[in-house]
């Protein structure tokens, strides 16, 4: 960790902060509970316990791993549906495959990102390739759900393949931090991701004892998840450690400092920094669907069970990994086990895929 580095950080563009910039205060710090995702890979639920109004426009964030799999252990998710938002999968270490019934998909590895717009509805699968299942290996990444405003929830599905080489690399003012801009803009430097909802995503590495003062749009919220190491947030220097999410208040910049002494396994402070323009619309969220009303969520389940979100595509096994969850059929009992439309799946079969709410949450 991390996958994307710079041979010489001193030659990178420096991020500058106005002398009049106001540091954002710390609103809250929460610790992510640990659980398991899909077929059983370990995750930390970064947004657990945080008011959804403070997260807007984000819905869900999982840190997947870091885990060293033995042969036969790598896990994924089975085929499942989404509607009403976007999924962003960022891989720091390891390999992951994505396929969907809109024709999007491919393999991402160290530093790559897959960006899927579910829009009106899509089916997809996320799984390690077969060779990784056989060999085992290191896996570490994030999945983020970005809400869509009502006007875009019914947009056509889309897919973006963002490669590590395209990420914008910047340096902090003193050269003590490497800043990777995945999407959005930092100090005039744009990342490769095209966003339906105005947001910025950054992965930053801060050297022990260094301070990152990052300019941040005043109309965006600001969230910083500590994925490794320990340090301090805000000018008030509140301590944070791995697995904690900081929600910042209003201001012009984010301030984070790495502790002078780090653990040997995490010699630097690693941060996933995100923020966006709040949508400020009603939310109804249950399982794999994020809509504006309870009726729309129930309609999504009905549409899925009727096959209106599509069918699982037949995958060319000579070019793509074999999936263990069924191909070329409608999702049936067992969530894609090859049973077609006569026995539509129960809600329980898709509610458990991302360990998301099993009852409708409205906000």
Protein backbone atom coordinates (compact mmCIF):
# COMPACT_ATOMS: atom_id res chain seq x y z
CA UNK A 1 0.00 0.00 0.00
CA UNK A 2 -0.52 2.26 -1.79
CA UNK A 3 -0.57 1.13 -5.41
CA UNK A 4 -0.16 4.55 -7.08
CA UNK A 5 3.03 6.32 -6.05
CA UNK A 6 5.38 8.97 -7.44
CA UNK A 7 9.09 8.38 -8.03
CA UNK A 8 9.82 12.00 -7.14
CA UNK A 9 7.10 13.87 -5.27
CA UNK A 10 9.04 17.13 -5.52
CA UNK A 11 8.30 17.48 -9.24
CA UNK A 12 4.52 17.21 -8.81
CA UNK A 13 2.23 20.26 -8.85
CA UNK A 14 1.93 21.75 -5.36
CA UNK A 15 -1.45 22.37 -3.77
CA UNK A 16 -1.74 25.93 -2.48
CA UNK A 17 -4.09 27.23 0.19
CA UNK A 18 -5.11 30.87 0.45
CA UNK A 19 -3.72 32.74 3.45
CA UNK A 20 -7.32 33.68 4.29
CA UNK A 21 -8.64 30.12 4.09
CA UNK A 22 -10.72 29.03 7.07
CA UNK A 23 -9.95 25.56 8.42
CA UNK A 24 -12.98 23.32 8.81
CA UNK A 25 -13.73 22.32 12.37
CA UNK A 26 -14.39 18.71 13.35
CA UNK A 27 -18.08 17.87 13.64
CA UNK A 28 -17.77 14.19 14.58
CA UNK A 29 -15.44 11.18 14.61
CA UNK A 30 -16.94 7.69 14.42
CA UNK A 31 -15.40 4.21 14.33
CA UNK A 32 -16.47 1.86 11.53
CA UNK A 33 -17.82 -1.52 12.69
CA UNK A 34 -16.45 -4.61 10.97
CA UNK A 35 -18.53 -7.16 9.08
CA UNK A 36 -18.61 -9.33 5.97
CA UNK A 37 -19.78 -8.57 2.45
CA UNK A 38 -21.31 -10.76 -0.26
CA UNK A 39 -19.87 -14.28 -0.14
CA UNK A 40 -17.74 -13.41 2.88
CA UNK A 41 -15.01 -10.80 2.38
CA UNK A 42 -14.25 -8.57 5.39
CA UNK A 43 -15.36 -4.92 5.38
CA UNK A 44 -15.48 -1.87 7.62
CA UNK A 45 -18.76 0.10 7.36
CA UNK A 46 -17.36 3.62 7.27
CA UNK A 47 -20.70 5.49 7.43
CA UNK A 48 -22.28 3.48 10.24
CA UNK A 49 -23.83 5.71 12.92
CA UNK A 50 -23.55 8.95 10.93
CA UNK A 51 -26.62 11.08 10.14
CA UNK A 52 -27.42 10.70 6.41
CA UNK A 53 -27.94 14.45 6.13
CA UNK A 54 -24.24 14.96 6.95
CA UNK A 55 -23.22 12.39 4.31
CA UNK A 56 -25.36 13.75 1.45
CA UNK A 57 -24.77 13.07 -1.49
CA UNK A 58 -23.09 9.85 -0.33
CA UNK A 59 -25.02 6.81 0.86
CA UNK A 60 -22.70 3.94 1.68
CA UNK A 61 -18.91 3.43 2.05
CA UNK A 62 -17.11 0.14 2.71
CA UNK A 63 -13.40 -0.42 3.22
CA UNK A 64 -12.88 -3.90 1.75
CA UNK A 65 -9.96 -5.64 3.46
CA UNK A 66 -7.02 -5.19 3.88
CA UNK A 67 -6.80 -8.99 3.82
CA UNK A 68 -4.24 -11.57 2.71
CA UNK A 69 -6.23 -14.43 1.22
CA UNK A 70 -5.03 -18.03 1.24
CA UNK A 71 -5.65 -20.11 -1.90
CA UNK A 72 -9.37 -20.70 -2.36
CA UNK A 73 -10.40 -17.91 0.01
CA UNK A 74 -10.98 -14.81 -2.20
CA UNK A 75 -14.64 -13.80 -2.17
CA UNK A 76 -16.97 -11.64 -4.23
CA UNK A 77 -20.65 -10.88 -4.61
CA UNK A 78 -23.20 -12.75 -6.73
CA UNK A 79 -25.25 -11.10 -9.48
CA UNK A 80 -27.54 -8.45 -7.99
CA UNK A 81 -29.50 -5.34 -9.03
CA UNK A 82 -29.18 -1.60 -8.36
CA UNK A 83 -31.25 1.47 -9.16
CA UNK A 84 -31.10 5.19 -8.37
CA UNK A 85 -27.39 5.83 -7.66
CA UNK A 86 -23.78 5.16 -8.69
CA UNK A 87 -21.25 2.63 -7.36
CA UNK A 88 -17.54 3.52 -7.26
CA UNK A 89 -15.04 0.70 -6.65
CA UNK A 90 -11.44 1.77 -5.97
CA UNK A 91 -8.78 -0.92 -5.66
CA UNK A 92 -5.61 -0.13 -3.73
CA UNK A 93 -4.13 -3.64 -3.80
CA UNK A 94 -5.40 -6.77 -5.53
CA UNK A 95 -7.56 -7.64 -8.51
CA UNK A 96 -11.34 -7.42 -9.00
CA UNK A 97 -13.69 -8.14 -11.89
CA UNK A 98 -16.92 -6.32 -12.67
CA UNK A 99 -19.52 -7.34 -15.26
CA UNK A 100 -22.96 -5.89 -15.83
CA UNK A 101 -25.92 -6.49 -18.12
CA UNK A 102 -25.39 -3.13 -19.83
CA UNK A 103 -22.12 -4.29 -21.40
CA UNK A 104 -19.83 -2.61 -18.88
CA UNK A 105 -17.06 -4.45 -17.17
CA UNK A 106 -13.46 -5.48 -16.95
CA UNK A 107 -10.67 -6.15 -14.50
CA UNK A 108 -9.24 -3.52 -12.20
CA UNK A 109 -6.08 -3.76 -10.15
CA UNK A 110 -3.69 -1.60 -8.14
CA UNK A 111 -4.95 2.00 -8.24
CA UNK A 112 -7.77 1.47 -10.77
CA UNK A 113 -11.39 2.53 -10.32
CA UNK A 114 -14.68 1.24 -11.74
CA UNK A 115 -17.54 3.71 -11.83
CA UNK A 116 -21.01 2.32 -12.54
CA UNK A 117 -24.10 4.48 -12.96
CA UNK A 118 -27.04 2.23 -12.09
CA UNK A 119 -29.58 4.91 -13.05
CA UNK A 120 -32.92 3.34 -14.01
CA UNK A 121 -31.65 -0.14 -13.22
CA UNK A 122 -28.82 -2.60 -13.80
CA UNK A 123 -27.60 -6.07 -12.78
CA UNK A 124 -23.92 -6.62 -11.99
CA UNK A 125 -21.43 -8.93 -10.35
CA UNK A 126 -18.19 -8.18 -8.50
CA UNK A 127 -15.79 -11.04 -8.00
CA UNK A 128 -12.08 -11.93 -7.91
CA UNK A 129 -10.80 -13.59 -11.10
CA UNK A 130 -10.44 -17.35 -11.00
CA UNK A 131 -6.63 -17.26 -10.98
CA UNK A 132 -6.71 -15.16 -7.79
CA UNK A 133 -9.17 -17.58 -6.20
CA UNK A 134 -6.71 -20.36 -6.93
CA UNK A 135 -3.57 -18.53 -5.78
CA UNK A 136 -4.83 -16.26 -3.02
CA UNK A 137 -3.20 -12.90 -2.40
CA UNK A 138 -3.58 -9.40 -1.01
CA UNK A 139 -6.86 -7.53 -1.44
CA UNK A 140 -7.73 -3.99 -0.32
CA UNK A 141 -10.14 -1.41 -1.70
CA UNK A 142 -13.24 0.73 -1.27
CA UNK A 143 -16.78 0.76 -2.55
CA UNK A 144 -18.70 4.01 -2.41
CA UNK A 145 -22.35 4.67 -3.29
CA UNK A 146 -23.09 8.15 -4.67
CA UNK A 147 -26.73 9.26 -4.73
CA UNK A 148 -28.36 10.67 -7.84
CA UNK A 149 -30.89 13.52 -7.78
CA UNK A 150 -34.46 12.65 -8.73
CA UNK A 151 -33.97 14.11 -12.21
CA UNK A 152 -31.15 11.60 -12.90
CA UNK A 153 -32.38 8.47 -11.13
CA UNK A 154 -34.01 7.27 -14.34
CA UNK A 155 -31.00 7.97 -16.55
CA UNK A 156 -29.59 5.14 -18.72
CA UNK A 157 -27.00 2.91 -17.02
CA UNK A 158 -23.35 3.74 -17.76
CA UNK A 159 -19.84 2.55 -16.92
CA UNK A 160 -16.42 4.20 -16.58
CA UNK A 161 -13.08 2.41 -16.46
CA UNK A 162 -10.56 4.69 -14.70
CA UNK A 163 -6.96 3.56 -14.81
CA UNK A 164 -4.31 4.31 -12.18
CA UNK A 165 -2.10 6.06 -14.75
CA UNK A 166 -4.84 8.64 -15.35
CA UNK A 167 -5.25 9.73 -11.73
CA UNK A 168 -4.06 13.30 -11.11
CA UNK A 169 -1.02 13.29 -8.78
CA UNK A 170 -0.32 16.34 -6.62
CA UNK A 171 1.89 17.25 -3.68
CA UNK A 172 1.11 19.16 -0.51
CA UNK A 173 2.75 22.57 -0.13
CA UNK A 174 5.72 21.11 1.80
CA UNK A 175 6.06 17.86 -0.16
CA UNK A 176 4.99 15.76 2.82
CA UNK A 177 1.82 14.36 1.27
CA UNK A 178 0.97 12.65 -2.03
CA UNK A 179 -2.54 13.52 -3.24
CA UNK A 180 -4.33 11.34 -5.81
CA UNK A 181 -7.40 13.00 -7.35
CA UNK A 182 -9.72 10.26 -8.61
CA UNK A 183 -12.70 12.47 -9.44
CA UNK A 184 -13.62 16.12 -9.13
CA UNK A 185 -11.09 18.89 -8.70
CA UNK A 186 -8.49 20.03 -6.17
CA UNK A 187 -6.87 23.46 -6.59
CA UNK A 188 -7.65 23.46 -10.32
CA UNK A 189 -6.39 19.90 -10.95
CA UNK A 190 -9.04 17.47 -12.20
CA UNK A 191 -9.32 13.73 -11.73
CA UNK A 192 -10.40 11.37 -14.53
CA UNK A 193 -13.80 10.43 -13.09
CA UNK A 194 -16.91 11.99 -14.66
CA UNK A 195 -19.53 12.58 -11.98
CA UNK A 196 -23.32 12.82 -12.35
CA UNK A 197 -23.47 14.41 -8.90
CA UNK A 198 -20.80 17.11 -8.21
CA UNK A 199 -18.24 15.44 -5.92
CA UNK A 200 -14.49 15.15 -5.28
CA UNK A 201 -12.67 11.91 -4.37
CA UNK A 202 -9.07 11.88 -3.13
CA UNK A 203 -6.68 9.25 -1.77
CA UNK A 204 -3.87 10.94 0.16
CA UNK A 205 -0.73 9.58 1.79
CA UNK A 206 0.77 11.78 4.51
CA UNK A 207 4.31 11.11 5.75
CA UNK A 208 4.90 10.76 9.49
CA UNK A 209 4.93 14.20 11.11
CA UNK A 210 3.72 16.00 7.97
CA UNK A 211 0.61 18.14 7.69
CA UNK A 212 -1.88 18.27 4.81
CA UNK A 213 -3.80 21.51 4.33
CA UNK A 214 -6.16 20.74 1.46
CA UNK A 215 -8.30 23.44 -0.19
CA UNK A 216 -11.93 22.31 -0.35
CA UNK A 217 -15.00 23.83 -1.98
CA UNK A 218 -17.15 25.72 0.53
CA UNK A 219 -20.38 24.36 -0.98
CA UNK A 220 -19.22 20.72 -0.54
CA UNK A 221 -19.36 18.69 2.63
CA UNK A 222 -16.06 17.13 3.76
CA UNK A 223 -15.46 13.57 4.99
CA UNK A 224 -12.11 11.97 5.77
CA UNK A 225 -11.79 8.23 6.39
CA UNK A 226 -8.54 7.00 7.96
CA UNK A 227 -7.74 3.77 6.17
CA UNK A 228 -4.31 3.22 7.76
CA UNK A 229 -2.04 4.87 10.32
CA UNK A 230 -2.88 7.47 12.93
CA UNK A 231 -2.87 11.24 13.19
CA UNK A 232 -4.87 14.36 14.00
CA UNK A 233 -7.73 16.21 12.28
CA UNK A 234 -8.61 19.90 12.25
CA UNK A 235 -6.66 22.76 13.72
CA UNK A 236 -7.91 21.48 17.08
CA UNK A 237 -5.81 18.35 16.41
CA UNK A 238 -8.28 15.70 17.46
CA UNK A 239 -6.69 12.22 17.32
CA UNK A 240 -7.82 9.69 14.70
CA UNK A 241 -6.75 6.16 13.81
CA UNK A 242 -7.39 3.46 11.25
CA UNK A 243 -11.08 2.75 10.66
CA UNK A 244 -12.40 6.14 11.78
CA UNK A 245 -14.47 8.64 9.79
CA UNK A 246 -14.20 12.37 10.42
CA UNK A 247 -17.09 14.63 9.42
CA UNK A 248 -15.96 18.23 9.08
CA UNK A 249 -18.00 21.42 9.53
CA UNK A 250 -17.99 24.41 7.17
CA UNK A 251 -14.84 26.12 5.91
CA UNK A 252 -12.38 26.46 3.02
CA UNK A 253 -9.86 23.72 3.75
CA UNK A 254 -9.34 20.33 5.39
CA UNK A 255 -6.47 20.01 7.87
CA UNK A 256 -4.96 16.61 8.74
CA UNK A 257 -1.63 15.86 10.38
CA UNK A 258 0.15 12.49 10.57
CA UNK A 259 1.46 11.46 13.96
CA UNK A 260 5.24 11.61 14.32
CA UNK A 261 5.40 7.89 15.09
CA UNK A 262 3.51 5.33 12.99
CA UNK A 263 3.23 1.55 13.17
CA UNK A 264 5.77 -0.44 11.17
CA UNK A 265 3.01 -2.06 9.07
CA UNK A 266 1.54 1.39 8.27
CA UNK A 267 4.48 3.80 8.14
CA UNK A 268 2.36 6.64 6.75
CA UNK A 269 -1.13 8.05 7.29
CA UNK A 270 -3.50 6.90 4.52
CA UNK A 271 -6.70 8.89 3.93
CA UNK A 272 -9.77 8.53 1.71
CA UNK A 273 -11.14 12.07 1.35
CA UNK A 274 -14.52 12.80 -0.19
CA UNK A 275 -17.07 15.56 -0.41
CA UNK A 276 -19.84 16.78 -2.63
CA UNK A 277 -22.68 19.18 -3.16
CA UNK A 278 -25.62 18.01 -1.04
CA UNK A 279 -28.67 17.01 -3.10
CA UNK A 280 -31.11 17.86 -0.28
CA UNK A 281 -33.93 15.65 -1.54
CA UNK A 282 -35.93 13.00 0.35
CA UNK A 283 -34.22 9.59 0.44
CA UNK A 284 -35.77 6.13 0.67
CA UNK A 285 -33.04 3.48 0.94
CA UNK A 286 -33.41 -0.29 1.23
CA UNK A 287 -31.13 -3.07 0.07
CA UNK A 288 -29.69 -2.34 -3.39
CA UNK A 289 -32.06 0.54 -4.23
CA UNK A 290 -31.78 4.25 -3.34
CA UNK A 291 -34.83 6.26 -4.37
CA UNK A 292 -36.80 9.31 -3.21
CA UNK A 293 -39.94 7.61 -1.87
CA UNK A 294 -40.95 4.34 -0.24
CA UNK A 295 -43.24 3.63 -3.20
CA UNK A 296 -40.30 3.94 -5.63
CA UNK A 297 -38.22 1.47 -3.58
CA UNK A 298 -41.05 -1.07 -3.56
CA UNK A 299 -41.51 -0.52 -7.28
CA UNK A 300 -37.82 -1.28 -7.83
CA UNK A 301 -38.21 -4.64 -6.06
CA UNK A 302 -41.30 -5.39 -8.15
CA UNK A 303 -39.55 -4.43 -11.39
CA UNK A 304 -36.56 -6.59 -10.49
CA UNK A 305 -38.75 -9.61 -9.72
CA UNK A 306 -40.57 -9.15 -13.04
CA UNK A 307 -37.26 -9.12 -14.94
CA UNK A 308 -37.56 -5.48 -15.97
CA UNK A 309 -33.99 -4.72 -14.84
CA UNK A 310 -32.75 -7.21 -17.41
CA UNK A 311 -31.17 -10.65 -17.48
CA UNK A 312 -27.70 -11.91 -16.66
CA UNK A 313 -25.58 -11.83 -19.84
CA UNK A 314 -23.84 -14.92 -21.15
CA UNK A 315 -20.12 -14.38 -20.54
CA UNK A 316 -17.53 -15.65 -23.02
CA UNK A 317 -15.58 -18.02 -20.80
CA UNK A 318 -12.60 -17.97 -23.17
CA UNK A 319 -12.03 -14.28 -22.41
CA UNK A 320 -13.70 -13.66 -19.07
CA UNK A 321 -13.67 -15.33 -15.67
CA UNK A 322 -16.13 -18.05 -14.83
CA UNK A 323 -18.57 -16.79 -12.24
CA UNK A 324 -19.96 -19.12 -9.66
CA UNK A 325 -23.40 -17.53 -9.54
CA UNK A 326 -25.07 -18.52 -12.83
CA UNK A 327 -24.97 -17.05 -16.33
CA UNK A 328 -27.42 -16.33 -19.12
CA UNK A 329 -30.58 -16.52 -17.03
CA UNK A 330 -32.91 -14.35 -15.06
CA UNK A 331 -32.09 -14.11 -11.40
CA UNK A 332 -34.01 -16.86 -9.65
CA UNK A 333 -34.02 -18.55 -6.26
CA UNK A 334 -30.43 -18.58 -5.07
CA UNK A 335 -29.72 -15.18 -6.67
CA UNK A 336 -28.59 -16.23 -10.10
CA UNK A 337 -28.33 -19.98 -9.66
CA UNK A 338 -29.76 -20.60 -13.11
CA UNK A 339 -33.41 -20.75 -12.07
CA UNK A 340 -35.33 -18.54 -14.48
CA UNK A 341 -38.38 -16.35 -14.20
CA UNK A 342 -41.08 -18.74 -12.96
CA UNK A 343 -39.77 -18.56 -9.39
CA UNK A 344 -38.87 -14.90 -8.81
CA UNK A 345 -36.40 -14.24 -6.01
CA UNK A 346 -37.56 -13.14 -2.60
CA UNK A 347 -36.43 -9.76 -1.32
CA UNK A 348 -34.17 -11.48 1.25
CA UNK A 349 -32.00 -12.86 -1.55
CA UNK A 350 -30.88 -9.40 -2.69
CA UNK A 351 -31.08 -7.55 0.62
CA UNK A 352 -28.10 -9.41 2.02
CA UNK A 353 -25.66 -8.77 -0.84
CA UNK A 354 -24.20 -5.51 0.52
CA UNK A 355 -25.44 -5.94 4.08
CA UNK A 356 -27.51 -2.78 3.58
CA UNK A 357 -30.77 -1.91 5.40
CA UNK A 358 -33.45 -4.62 5.32
CA UNK A 359 -36.11 -2.08 6.14
CA UNK A 360 -36.75 1.15 4.31
CA UNK A 361 -34.80 4.08 5.73
CA UNK A 362 -36.27 7.45 4.88
CA UNK A 363 -34.48 10.73 5.33
